[in-house]
Amino acid sequence: MLTIGELSKSSGVKVPTIRYYEQIGLLAPATRSEGNQRRYEQDGLQRLTFIRHARDLGFNLDDIKSLLKLSGDDDNPCHMAHGMVMRHLADVRERIERLQRLEQELIRMSGCDGNCVAECQVLESLADHGHCLHDHEPTPERF
């Protein structure tokens, strides 16, 4: 049995996050000691390690919940997990493309050699989107 502190240290997940995962059902509720201290089994550590790895790869909590559900039954078809990974990969590639366009724009803007604000390419570009090389809509909040 592991205390929440030991679970945190072993998994690299902070204690408040472990409590949150328990609250939203990603992690099974811990058993309690006589002193009301949370106690976790080894499978709790394995599940938390799975969750942390999925978060490190950028999966959102809903996808992780679905992946955990799939992993709980060895007879489940793998195509659902594969589909989630492919959708996530497409999202990552889209974000990379947006970031590359943003990088190009910032490199172009950083070429400012104006001596005064009236000649500043940075301020001019920010004031008028027409000076930009690409359309760069805001990145939606994902997590």
Foldseek 3Di string as FASTA:
>chain_A
DDFLVRLCVLQVNDSVVLVVCCVVVQAPFFDADPVRTGDDDVVSSVSSNQVVVCVVVPDDPVLSSVVVVQVVDPPRDCVVVVVVVVVVVVVVVVVVVLVVLVVVQVVVQVPAPDPDPVRRSVVVCVVDVVVGPDDRDDDDDDD
